[in-house]
C-alpha cells in the first residue's frame, strides 16, 4: 500500500451540488467546478472497477491518499480502496464522444463505503505540481499545462476554456499521471474572484 500511496494516485446531480467550485480570477462570470467521481459511478466502481476487478478495501494506516470521491486526503484509519477508473470513457459514454486511443484507465483511491462527497470550495489536493490536460468534444487531447501551485490553477482553467475546442480538462499528477479530478465550464451568477485552498 505504501508504494501505491506515493502514486498520488455519467454526470450526477448530487456530484454537481457537492463539487468544489473555484472561480476564474480574470472574470466574475465564470466558475470552474472540480468534479469528484459521481456517486452513481462510485457505486459501480465499488462493485467492479473499470478493469473488471472487484474492490479490495484496506485500512489506510498512514493516511494521505488522495480520495477522488470527496476530493480530500484520507485520514489514518479510514477504509479505502484503490480502483481502476476510466474518466474519459465515462465522459464519452455520457456525451457521445469517441475518444478512441485516448481512452485510458488508471488507479484512483476512493472510500470503501459511501461518503459525503466534497465539503466545499477551494482547490483539491494543493501543494504539488499538477498537469491540467485539455480535451476536445471528441475526447482527443489538445495539450496541457503544468501548474506548480494553487495560484496557477485559475489561470490554467481560464486559458484552457478560452479555447472553444476545449470541452473539459483533467487535473492529473505529474509524477504518475494519475487522474485527480475533472473540470468543466460552468456559469455562476454570483462568483467572486480568487479562491482559498
Protein backbone atom coordinates (compact mmCIF):
# COMPACT_ATOMS: atom_id res chain seq x y z
CA UNK A 1 0.00 0.00 0.00
CA UNK A 2 2.86 2.43 0.70
CA UNK A 3 4.13 2.35 -2.90
CA UNK A 4 0.63 2.96 -4.21
CA UNK A 5 0.11 5.85 -1.79
CA UNK A 6 3.03 7.73 -3.29
CA UNK A 7 1.48 7.34 -6.73
CA UNK A 8 -0.98 10.15 -5.85
CA UNK A 9 -2.99 8.02 -7.16
CA UNK A 10 -22.46 9.90 -16.35
CA UNK A 11 -22.77 13.25 -14.57
CA UNK A 12 -24.83 13.11 -11.44
CA UNK A 13 -26.81 15.94 -9.85
CA UNK A 14 -25.50 15.08 -6.41
CA UNK A 15 -21.93 15.32 -7.66
CA UNK A 16 -22.64 18.72 -9.21
CA UNK A 17 -24.08 20.01 -5.95
CA UNK A 18 -21.21 18.76 -3.84
CA UNK A 19 -18.35 19.55 -6.20
CA UNK A 20 -15.73 22.09 -5.19
CA UNK A 21 -16.12 25.34 -7.12
CA UNK A 22 -13.17 27.55 -7.94
CA UNK A 23 -13.50 30.96 -9.53
CA UNK A 24 -11.60 32.29 -12.51
CA UNK A 25 -9.85 35.41 -11.22
CA UNK A 26 -9.99 37.06 -14.66
CA UNK A 27 -13.78 37.25 -14.76
CA UNK A 28 -16.56 37.17 -12.23
CA UNK A 29 -18.89 35.37 -14.66
CA UNK A 30 -17.17 32.01 -14.99
CA UNK A 31 -16.55 29.45 -12.30
CA UNK A 32 -14.78 26.14 -12.68
CA UNK A 33 -16.08 23.18 -10.74
CA UNK A 34 -13.75 20.42 -9.58
CA UNK A 35 -15.89 17.34 -10.07
CA UNK A 36 -15.39 14.26 -7.93
CA UNK A 37 -16.25 10.84 -9.30
CA UNK A 38 -20.08 10.93 -9.29
CA UNK A 39 -21.89 8.85 -6.63
CA UNK A 40 -23.58 6.57 -9.19
CA UNK A 41 -20.19 5.76 -10.75
CA UNK A 42 -18.66 5.22 -7.31
CA UNK A 43 -21.33 2.62 -6.55
CA UNK A 44 -20.36 0.77 -9.74
CA UNK A 45 -16.62 1.02 -9.02
CA UNK A 46 -17.13 -0.36 -5.52
CA UNK A 47 -18.78 -3.42 -7.04
CA UNK A 48 -16.44 -3.86 -10.02
CA UNK A 49 -13.95 -1.29 -11.31
CA UNK A 50 -13.36 -0.22 -14.91
CA UNK A 51 -10.82 -3.03 -15.33
CA UNK A 52 -13.47 -5.56 -14.25
CA UNK A 53 -11.96 -6.28 -10.82
CA UNK A 54 -13.89 -6.41 -7.54
CA UNK A 55 -12.97 -3.80 -4.94
CA UNK A 56 -10.35 -4.82 -2.36
CA UNK A 57 -10.74 -2.42 0.59
CA UNK A 58 -7.93 -1.77 3.06
CA UNK A 59 -7.49 0.25 6.21
CA UNK A 60 -5.28 3.22 5.47
CA UNK A 61 -2.95 3.19 8.47
CA UNK A 62 -0.90 6.23 7.42
CA UNK A 63 -3.48 8.50 5.75
CA UNK A 64 -2.74 10.91 2.93
CA UNK A 65 -4.26 9.07 -0.05
CA UNK A 66 -5.98 11.48 -2.50
CA UNK A 67 -9.62 10.37 -2.44
CA UNK A 68 -11.46 11.04 -5.72
CA UNK A 69 -14.87 10.55 -4.11
CA UNK A 70 -14.62 13.58 -1.81
CA UNK A 71 -11.56 15.42 -3.14
CA UNK A 72 -9.59 15.33 0.09
CA UNK A 73 -6.79 13.24 1.52
CA UNK A 74 -7.61 10.21 3.64
CA UNK A 75 -7.23 10.25 7.41
CA UNK A 76 -5.35 7.47 9.21
CA UNK A 77 -7.63 4.52 9.91
CA UNK A 78 -10.12 5.16 7.08
CA UNK A 79 -11.24 2.26 4.88
CA UNK A 80 -10.24 2.99 1.29
CA UNK A 81 -9.74 1.11 -1.96
CA UNK A 82 -7.55 1.57 -5.00
CA UNK A 83 -9.73 1.00 -8.07
CA UNK A 84 -9.21 1.34 -11.80
CA UNK A 85 -11.15 4.26 -13.28
CA UNK A 86 -11.62 5.38 -16.91
CA UNK A 87 -12.75 9.02 -16.64
CA UNK A 88 -12.66 9.86 -20.35
CA UNK A 89 -14.52 6.66 -21.27
CA UNK A 90 -17.29 7.51 -18.83
CA UNK A 91 -17.49 11.12 -20.06
CA UNK A 92 -17.59 9.87 -23.66
CA UNK A 93 -20.45 7.49 -22.85
CA UNK A 94 -22.37 10.44 -21.38
CA UNK A 95 -21.70 12.83 -24.28
CA UNK A 96 -21.46 10.50 -27.28
CA UNK A 97 -17.77 11.32 -27.89
CA UNK A 98 -15.44 8.73 -29.42
CA UNK A 99 -12.01 9.16 -27.81
CA UNK A 100 -10.50 6.10 -29.48
CA UNK A 101 -6.92 5.53 -28.37
CA UNK A 102 -7.12 8.50 -25.94
CA UNK A 103 -9.34 6.41 -23.68
CA UNK A 104 -7.29 5.34 -20.69
CA UNK A 105 -7.86 3.97 -17.23
CA UNK A 106 -5.76 4.18 -14.13
CA UNK A 107 -5.68 3.84 -10.36
CA UNK A 108 -7.67 6.12 -8.07
CA UNK A 109 -8.31 5.98 -4.34
CA UNK A 110 -11.90 6.09 -3.09
CA UNK A 111 -13.58 5.48 0.23
CA UNK A 112 -14.54 1.83 0.53
CA UNK A 113 -18.04 2.90 1.57
CA UNK A 114 -20.25 5.81 0.59
CA UNK A 115 -19.05 9.17 1.87
CA UNK A 116 -20.49 12.67 1.97
CA UNK A 117 -18.56 13.97 -1.05
CA UNK A 118 -16.58 17.22 -1.16
CA UNK A 119 -17.05 19.70 1.65
CA UNK A 120 -16.90 22.97 -0.23
CA UNK A 121 -14.74 25.36 -2.25
CA UNK A 122 -11.06 25.59 -2.92
CA UNK A 123 -8.62 23.57 -4.96
CA UNK A 124 -8.43 19.86 -4.12
CA UNK A 125 -5.06 18.33 -3.22
CA UNK A 126 -3.00 21.54 -3.02
CA UNK A 127 0.75 21.64 -2.59
CA UNK A 128 2.05 19.61 -5.55
CA UNK A 129 2.73 20.01 -9.25
CA UNK A 130 -0.18 19.02 -11.47
CA UNK A 131 -0.95 18.89 -15.17
CA UNK A 132 -4.14 20.48 -16.49
CA UNK A 133 -4.83 18.35 -19.57
CA UNK A 134 -7.30 19.67 -22.16
CA UNK A 135 -9.72 17.52 -24.19
CA UNK A 136 -11.84 18.28 -27.26
CA UNK A 137 -15.51 17.42 -27.71
CA UNK A 138 -14.48 14.17 -29.41
CA UNK A 139 -12.24 13.21 -26.49
CA UNK A 140 -8.85 13.94 -28.03
CA UNK A 141 -6.03 15.57 -26.05
CA UNK A 142 -5.48 19.19 -27.08
CA UNK A 143 -2.48 19.83 -24.86
CA UNK A 144 -1.86 20.65 -21.28
CA UNK A 145 -0.23 22.97 -18.82
CA UNK A 146 1.96 22.30 -15.81
CA UNK A 147 0.78 24.09 -12.68
CA UNK A 148 3.16 24.47 -9.76
CA UNK A 149 0.73 25.65 -7.11
CA UNK A 150 -2.83 26.58 -6.22
CA UNK A 151 -2.47 30.15 -7.51
CA UNK A 152 -1.83 28.86 -11.05
CA UNK A 153 -4.97 26.71 -11.36
CA UNK A 154 -7.35 29.57 -12.14
CA UNK A 155 -5.12 30.85 -14.94
CA UNK A 156 -4.73 27.34 -16.36
CA UNK A 157 -8.51 26.78 -16.37
CA UNK A 158 -9.15 30.20 -17.93
CA UNK A 159 -6.52 29.51 -20.59
CA UNK A 160 -8.00 26.09 -21.36
CA UNK A 161 -11.60 27.26 -21.64
CA UNK A 162 -10.65 30.33 -23.70
CA UNK A 163 -10.15 27.79 -26.48
CA UNK A 164 -13.61 26.95 -27.91
CA UNK A 165 -12.33 23.49 -28.88
CA UNK A 166 -11.88 22.52 -25.21
CA UNK A 167 -14.79 20.57 -23.73
CA UNK A 168 -13.26 19.56 -20.40
CA UNK A 169 -9.98 19.27 -18.55
CA UNK A 170 -8.47 16.63 -16.33
CA UNK A 171 -6.19 17.56 -13.49
CA UNK A 172 -3.53 14.87 -13.14
CA UNK A 173 -0.49 14.09 -11.04
CA UNK A 174 2.80 14.92 -12.73
CA UNK A 175 4.82 12.01 -11.40
CA UNK A 176 2.48 9.11 -12.26
CA UNK A 177 -0.13 10.78 -14.48
CA UNK A 178 -2.98 9.66 -12.22
CA UNK A 179 -6.38 11.34 -12.65
CA UNK A 180 -7.30 13.64 -9.76
CA UNK A 181 -10.46 15.41 -10.90
CA UNK A 182 -12.33 16.75 -13.90
CA UNK A 183 -13.28 20.36 -14.59
CA UNK A 184 -15.96 21.55 -16.96
CA UNK A 185 -17.11 25.03 -17.83
CA UNK A 186 -19.86 26.29 -15.51
CA UNK A 187 -21.66 29.60 -15.34
CA UNK A 188 -22.05 31.19 -11.93
CA UNK A 189 -24.35 34.11 -11.36
CA UNK A 190 -22.51 35.42 -8.33
CA UNK A 191 -18.89 34.33 -8.46
CA UNK A 192 -16.18 36.18 -6.60
CA UNK A 193 -12.57 36.48 -7.62
CA UNK A 194 -9.97 34.24 -6.04
CA UNK A 195 -10.12 31.06 -4.03
CA UNK A 196 -8.86 29.85 -0.72
CA UNK A 197 -7.33 26.41 -0.67
